[in-house]
Amino acid sequence: MEKIRSWLSYDWNNWKKIFNNFIGGYFNMDTDDIYEALDEFINASDRNEKVETLNSIKKFLDYNKMTEDEKNKFIEEETLIYYEYYNLTPIKWIKYIEKRLEEEINK
């Protein structure tokens, strides 16, 4: 877990901030339904916000200094969602969001 925390403590560049704010802001313990929360983000955001968020997701998924397990743990801790209820892993959820955002942007 130390490695994951260090990811946040240094090199805090723009894409990391965008990604962390997105997952923590829209998908937290107050979220009743993750799909509704995603729809809320999509409906409330302009194209630029969607593109920035999509780019930050892509960079996170491609980030090679964390293993997939570390990424799953990081997402799970930042979102505080019970992913087993949705029959998803945190990475699968993020990949779903990536696909939805791509569809929305390309409409």
N, C-alpha and C. Protein backbone atom coordinates (compact mmCIF):
# COMPACT_ATOMS: atom_id res chain seq x y z
N MET A 1 0.81 -1.19 0.00
CA MET A 1 0.00 0.00 0.00
C MET A 1 0.86 1.26 0.00
N GLU A 2 2.04 1.15 0.55
CA GLU A 2 2.96 2.30 0.59
C GLU A 2 3.23 2.82 -0.82
N LYS A 3 3.41 1.91 -1.77
CA LYS A 3 3.68 2.30 -3.15
C LYS A 3 2.51 3.10 -3.73
N ILE A 4 1.30 2.69 -3.40
CA ILE A 4 0.11 3.40 -3.90
C ILE A 4 0.04 4.79 -3.29
N ARG A 5 0.25 4.90 -2.01
CA ARG A 5 0.22 6.22 -1.37
C ARG A 5 1.30 7.13 -1.94
N SER A 6 2.48 6.57 -2.22
CA SER A 6 3.55 7.39 -2.77
C SER A 6 3.18 7.89 -4.16
N TRP A 7 2.33 7.18 -4.85
CA TRP A 7 1.86 7.63 -6.17
C TRP A 7 1.16 8.97 -6.03
N LEU A 8 0.46 9.16 -4.95
CA LEU A 8 -0.24 10.42 -4.73
C LEU A 8 0.66 11.51 -4.17
N SER A 9 1.69 11.13 -3.45
CA SER A 9 2.47 12.14 -2.74
C SER A 9 3.52 12.84 -3.59
N TYR A 10 3.89 12.30 -4.71
CA TYR A 10 4.87 12.97 -5.56
C TYR A 10 4.36 13.00 -6.99
N ASP A 11 4.97 13.83 -7.80
CA ASP A 11 4.63 13.89 -9.21
C ASP A 11 3.13 14.06 -9.41
N TRP A 12 2.54 14.95 -8.66
CA TRP A 12 1.09 15.14 -8.68
C TRP A 12 0.73 16.03 -9.86
N ASN A 13 0.81 15.45 -11.04
CA ASN A 13 0.53 16.24 -12.22
C ASN A 13 -0.96 16.25 -12.55
N ASN A 14 -1.33 16.96 -13.55
CA ASN A 14 -2.72 17.23 -13.85
C ASN A 14 -3.57 15.98 -14.05
N TRP A 15 -3.12 15.00 -14.82
CA TRP A 15 -3.97 13.84 -15.09
C TRP A 15 -4.27 13.06 -13.82
N LYS A 16 -3.33 13.02 -12.89
CA LYS A 16 -3.56 12.30 -11.64
C LYS A 16 -4.61 13.01 -10.80
N LYS A 17 -4.53 14.34 -10.76
CA LYS A 17 -5.53 15.12 -10.02
C LYS A 17 -6.92 14.91 -10.60
N ILE A 18 -7.01 14.99 -11.91
CA ILE A 18 -8.30 14.83 -12.58
C ILE A 18 -8.88 13.45 -12.29
N PHE A 19 -8.06 12.41 -12.42
CA PHE A 19 -8.52 11.05 -12.18
C PHE A 19 -8.96 10.87 -10.73
N ASN A 20 -8.13 11.28 -9.81
CA ASN A 20 -8.43 11.11 -8.40
C ASN A 20 -9.68 11.89 -7.98
N ASN A 21 -9.82 13.12 -8.45
CA ASN A 21 -11.00 13.92 -8.13
C ASN A 21 -12.26 13.30 -8.72
N PHE A 22 -12.14 12.76 -9.92
CA PHE A 22 -13.29 12.14 -10.57
C PHE A 22 -13.78 10.92 -9.79
N ILE A 23 -12.88 9.97 -9.54
CA ILE A 23 -13.35 8.73 -8.88
C ILE A 23 -13.78 8.98 -7.44
N GLY A 24 -13.08 9.85 -6.75
CA GLY A 24 -13.44 10.14 -5.36
C GLY A 24 -14.67 11.01 -5.23
N GLY A 25 -14.89 11.86 -6.22
CA GLY A 25 -16.02 12.78 -6.16
C GLY A 25 -17.34 12.18 -6.59
N TYR A 26 -17.32 11.30 -7.56
CA TYR A 26 -18.56 10.74 -8.09
C TYR A 26 -18.88 9.34 -7.57
N PHE A 27 -17.88 8.63 -7.10
CA PHE A 27 -18.10 7.24 -6.70
C PHE A 27 -17.56 7.04 -5.29
N ASN A 28 -18.39 7.40 -4.31
CA ASN A 28 -17.97 7.31 -2.92
C ASN A 28 -19.06 6.62 -2.10
N MET A 29 -18.89 6.59 -0.79
CA MET A 29 -19.85 5.86 0.05
C MET A 29 -21.25 6.46 0.00
N ASP A 30 -21.39 7.68 -0.46
CA ASP A 30 -22.71 8.29 -0.59
C ASP A 30 -23.40 7.95 -1.91
N THR A 31 -22.71 7.23 -2.77
CA THR A 31 -23.25 6.86 -4.07
C THR A 31 -24.20 5.67 -3.90
N ASP A 32 -25.46 5.88 -4.28
CA ASP A 32 -26.43 4.79 -4.19
C ASP A 32 -26.27 3.80 -5.34
N ASP A 33 -26.00 4.31 -6.52
CA ASP A 33 -25.87 3.45 -7.70
C ASP A 33 -24.76 4.01 -8.58
N ILE A 34 -23.75 3.21 -8.85
CA ILE A 34 -22.61 3.71 -9.61
C ILE A 34 -22.97 4.07 -11.04
N TYR A 35 -23.96 3.37 -11.60
CA TYR A 35 -24.36 3.68 -12.98
C TYR A 35 -25.10 5.02 -13.04
N GLU A 36 -25.93 5.28 -12.04
CA GLU A 36 -26.61 6.58 -11.98
C GLU A 36 -25.60 7.71 -11.75
N ALA A 37 -24.60 7.46 -10.92
CA ALA A 37 -23.57 8.47 -10.67
C ALA A 37 -22.80 8.77 -11.95
N LEU A 38 -22.52 7.75 -12.74
CA LEU A 38 -21.83 7.97 -14.01
C LEU A 38 -22.71 8.78 -14.96
N ASP A 39 -24.00 8.43 -15.03
CA ASP A 39 -24.93 9.20 -15.87
C ASP A 39 -24.99 10.65 -15.43
N GLU A 40 -24.97 10.87 -14.11
CA GLU A 40 -24.98 12.24 -13.57
C GLU A 40 -23.75 13.01 -14.05
N PHE A 41 -22.58 12.38 -13.97
CA PHE A 41 -21.36 13.03 -14.45
C PHE A 41 -21.47 13.35 -15.93
N ILE A 42 -21.92 12.39 -16.71
CA ILE A 42 -22.01 12.57 -18.16
C ILE A 42 -22.97 13.71 -18.50
N ASN A 43 -24.10 13.76 -17.82
CA ASN A 43 -25.10 14.80 -18.10
C ASN A 43 -24.68 16.18 -17.61
N ALA A 44 -23.91 16.23 -16.53
CA ALA A 44 -23.52 17.51 -15.94
C ALA A 44 -22.25 18.09 -16.54
N SER A 45 -21.48 17.28 -17.26
CA SER A 45 -20.17 17.71 -17.77
C SER A 45 -20.24 18.15 -19.21
N ASP A 46 -19.42 19.13 -19.52
CA ASP A 46 -19.31 19.53 -20.92
C ASP A 46 -18.31 18.61 -21.63
N ARG A 47 -18.20 18.78 -22.91
CA ARG A 47 -17.33 17.91 -23.70
C ARG A 47 -15.88 17.95 -23.21
N ASN A 48 -15.39 19.13 -22.88
CA ASN A 48 -14.02 19.28 -22.42
C ASN A 48 -13.76 18.49 -21.14
N GLU A 49 -14.69 18.57 -20.20
CA GLU A 49 -14.53 17.81 -18.94
C GLU A 49 -14.52 16.30 -19.21
N LYS A 50 -15.37 15.87 -20.12
CA LYS A 50 -15.42 14.44 -20.47
C LYS A 50 -14.10 14.01 -21.11
N VAL A 51 -13.58 14.83 -22.01
CA VAL A 51 -12.30 14.50 -22.67
C VAL A 51 -11.17 14.47 -21.66
N GLU A 52 -11.10 15.46 -20.77
CA GLU A 52 -10.05 15.47 -19.74
C GLU A 52 -10.14 14.24 -18.84
N THR A 53 -11.34 13.89 -18.45
CA THR A 53 -11.54 12.72 -17.59
C THR A 53 -11.16 11.46 -18.34
N LEU A 54 -11.59 11.33 -19.57
CA LEU A 54 -11.24 10.17 -20.38
C LEU A 54 -9.73 10.04 -20.53
N ASN A 55 -9.06 11.13 -20.81
CA ASN A 55 -7.60 11.10 -20.95
C ASN A 55 -6.92 10.69 -19.64
N SER A 56 -7.44 11.17 -18.52
CA SER A 56 -6.85 10.78 -17.24
C SER A 56 -7.07 9.29 -16.95
N ILE A 57 -8.21 8.77 -17.34
CA ILE A 57 -8.48 7.33 -17.19
C ILE A 57 -7.52 6.52 -18.03
N LYS A 58 -7.34 6.92 -19.28
CA LYS A 58 -6.42 6.21 -20.17
C LYS A 58 -4.99 6.22 -19.60
N LYS A 59 -4.57 7.36 -19.10
CA LYS A 59 -3.22 7.44 -18.53
C LYS A 59 -3.10 6.59 -17.28
N PHE A 60 -4.14 6.56 -16.46
CA PHE A 60 -4.11 5.71 -15.28
C PHE A 60 -4.00 4.24 -15.68
N LEU A 61 -4.82 3.82 -16.63
CA LEU A 61 -4.79 2.42 -17.06
C LEU A 61 -3.45 2.05 -17.67
N ASP A 62 -2.80 2.99 -18.33
CA ASP A 62 -1.49 2.74 -18.95
C ASP A 62 -0.32 2.95 -18.00
N TYR A 63 -0.58 3.46 -16.82
CA TYR A 63 0.47 3.79 -15.86
C TYR A 63 1.19 2.51 -15.43
N ASN A 64 2.46 2.38 -15.80
CA ASN A 64 3.18 1.12 -15.60
C ASN A 64 3.95 1.03 -14.29
N LYS A 65 3.81 2.03 -13.44
CA LYS A 65 4.52 1.98 -12.15
C LYS A 65 3.65 1.36 -11.06
N MET A 66 2.45 0.94 -11.42
CA MET A 66 1.55 0.25 -10.49
C MET A 66 1.08 -1.03 -11.17
N THR A 67 0.99 -2.11 -10.41
CA THR A 67 0.44 -3.35 -10.94
C THR A 67 -1.08 -3.21 -11.04
N GLU A 68 -1.70 -4.14 -11.73
CA GLU A 68 -3.16 -4.10 -11.82
C GLU A 68 -3.79 -4.27 -10.43
N ASP A 69 -3.19 -5.12 -9.61
CA ASP A 69 -3.69 -5.31 -8.25
C ASP A 69 -3.59 -4.00 -7.46
N GLU A 70 -2.50 -3.30 -7.58
CA GLU A 70 -2.33 -2.01 -6.89
C GLU A 70 -3.34 -0.99 -7.41
N LYS A 71 -3.58 -1.00 -8.70
CA LYS A 71 -4.58 -0.08 -9.27
C LYS A 71 -5.97 -0.41 -8.72
N ASN A 72 -6.31 -1.70 -8.68
CA ASN A 72 -7.59 -2.11 -8.12
C ASN A 72 -7.74 -1.64 -6.68
N LYS A 73 -6.71 -1.84 -5.88
CA LYS A 73 -6.75 -1.43 -4.47
C LYS A 73 -6.88 0.08 -4.35
N PHE A 74 -6.14 0.81 -5.17
CA PHE A 74 -6.20 2.27 -5.13
C PHE A 74 -7.62 2.75 -5.45
N ILE A 75 -8.19 2.24 -6.52
CA ILE A 75 -9.54 2.66 -6.93
C ILE A 75 -10.55 2.30 -5.84
N GLU A 76 -10.43 1.10 -5.31
CA GLU A 76 -11.36 0.66 -4.29
C GLU A 76 -11.29 1.55 -3.05
N GLU A 77 -10.10 1.91 -2.63
CA GLU A 77 -9.94 2.77 -1.46
C GLU A 77 -10.44 4.19 -1.73
N GLU A 78 -10.21 4.71 -2.92
CA GLU A 78 -10.63 6.08 -3.22
C GLU A 78 -12.13 6.20 -3.43
N THR A 79 -12.77 5.13 -3.90
CA THR A 79 -14.20 5.20 -4.20
C THR A 79 -15.08 4.68 -3.08
N LEU A 80 -14.58 3.75 -2.28
CA LEU A 80 -15.34 3.16 -1.19
C LEU A 80 -16.64 2.52 -1.68
N ILE A 81 -16.57 1.83 -2.81
CA ILE A 81 -17.71 1.13 -3.38
C ILE A 81 -17.52 -0.37 -3.19
N TYR A 82 -18.60 -1.06 -2.91
CA TYR A 82 -18.55 -2.51 -2.77
C TYR A 82 -18.72 -3.12 -4.16
N TYR A 83 -17.62 -3.34 -4.85
CA TYR A 83 -17.63 -3.77 -6.24
C TYR A 83 -18.21 -5.16 -6.45
N GLU A 84 -18.11 -6.02 -5.44
CA GLU A 84 -18.67 -7.36 -5.59
C GLU A 84 -20.18 -7.32 -5.80
N TYR A 85 -20.83 -6.33 -5.23
CA TYR A 85 -22.28 -6.16 -5.42
C TYR A 85 -22.61 -6.00 -6.91
N TYR A 86 -21.74 -5.31 -7.62
CA TYR A 86 -21.95 -5.07 -9.05
C TYR A 86 -21.29 -6.13 -9.93
N ASN A 87 -20.68 -7.12 -9.29
CA ASN A 87 -19.98 -8.18 -10.01
C ASN A 87 -18.89 -7.60 -10.93
N LEU A 88 -18.14 -6.66 -10.38
CA LEU A 88 -17.08 -5.97 -11.11
C LEU A 88 -15.82 -5.91 -10.25
N THR A 89 -14.70 -5.73 -10.92
CA THR A 89 -13.49 -5.30 -10.22
C THR A 89 -13.38 -3.79 -10.45
N PRO A 90 -12.64 -3.10 -9.62
CA PRO A 90 -12.48 -1.66 -9.85
C PRO A 90 -11.94 -1.33 -11.25
N ILE A 91 -10.97 -2.11 -11.73
CA ILE A 91 -10.42 -1.86 -13.07
C ILE A 91 -11.49 -2.06 -14.15
N LYS A 92 -12.29 -3.11 -14.01
CA LYS A 92 -13.37 -3.33 -14.99
C LYS A 92 -14.35 -2.16 -14.98
N TRP A 93 -14.61 -1.60 -13.79
CA TRP A 93 -15.49 -0.45 -13.69
C TRP A 93 -14.89 0.75 -14.42
N ILE A 94 -13.61 0.99 -14.21
CA ILE A 94 -12.94 2.12 -14.86
C ILE A 94 -12.92 1.92 -16.38
N LYS A 95 -12.72 0.70 -16.83
CA LYS A 95 -12.74 0.41 -18.27
C LYS A 95 -14.14 0.62 -18.85
N TYR A 96 -15.16 0.31 -18.07
CA TYR A 96 -16.54 0.58 -18.50
C TYR A 96 -16.76 2.08 -18.64
N ILE A 97 -16.28 2.84 -17.66
CA ILE A 97 -16.40 4.30 -17.72
C ILE A 97 -15.68 4.83 -18.95
N GLU A 98 -14.48 4.31 -19.20
CA GLU A 98 -13.70 4.71 -20.38
C GLU A 98 -14.52 4.50 -21.65
N LYS A 99 -15.14 3.35 -21.77
CA LYS A 99 -15.95 3.05 -22.97
C LYS A 99 -17.14 4.00 -23.07
N ARG A 100 -17.86 4.22 -21.96
CA ARG A 100 -19.02 5.12 -21.98
C ARG A 100 -18.63 6.54 -22.37
N LEU A 101 -17.51 7.02 -21.81
CA LEU A 101 -17.07 8.37 -22.15
C LEU A 101 -16.69 8.47 -23.61
N GLU A 102 -16.02 7.47 -24.13
CA GLU A 102 -15.67 7.47 -25.56
C GLU A 102 -16.94 7.54 -26.41
N GLU A 103 -17.95 6.77 -26.04
CA GLU A 103 -19.22 6.79 -26.79
C GLU A 103 -19.87 8.17 -26.72
N GLU A 104 -19.89 8.77 -25.54
CA GLU A 104 -20.49 10.09 -25.37
C GLU A 104 -19.75 11.17 -26.16
N ILE A 105 -18.44 11.11 -26.13
CA ILE A 105 -17.63 12.10 -26.83
C ILE A 105 -17.78 11.98 -28.33
N ASN A 106 -17.93 10.76 -28.81
CA ASN A 106 -18.01 10.51 -30.25
C ASN A 106 -19.41 10.56 -30.83
N LYS A 107 -20.40 10.98 -30.03
CA LYS A 107 -21.79 11.10 -30.54
C LYS A 107 -21.89 12.15 -31.60
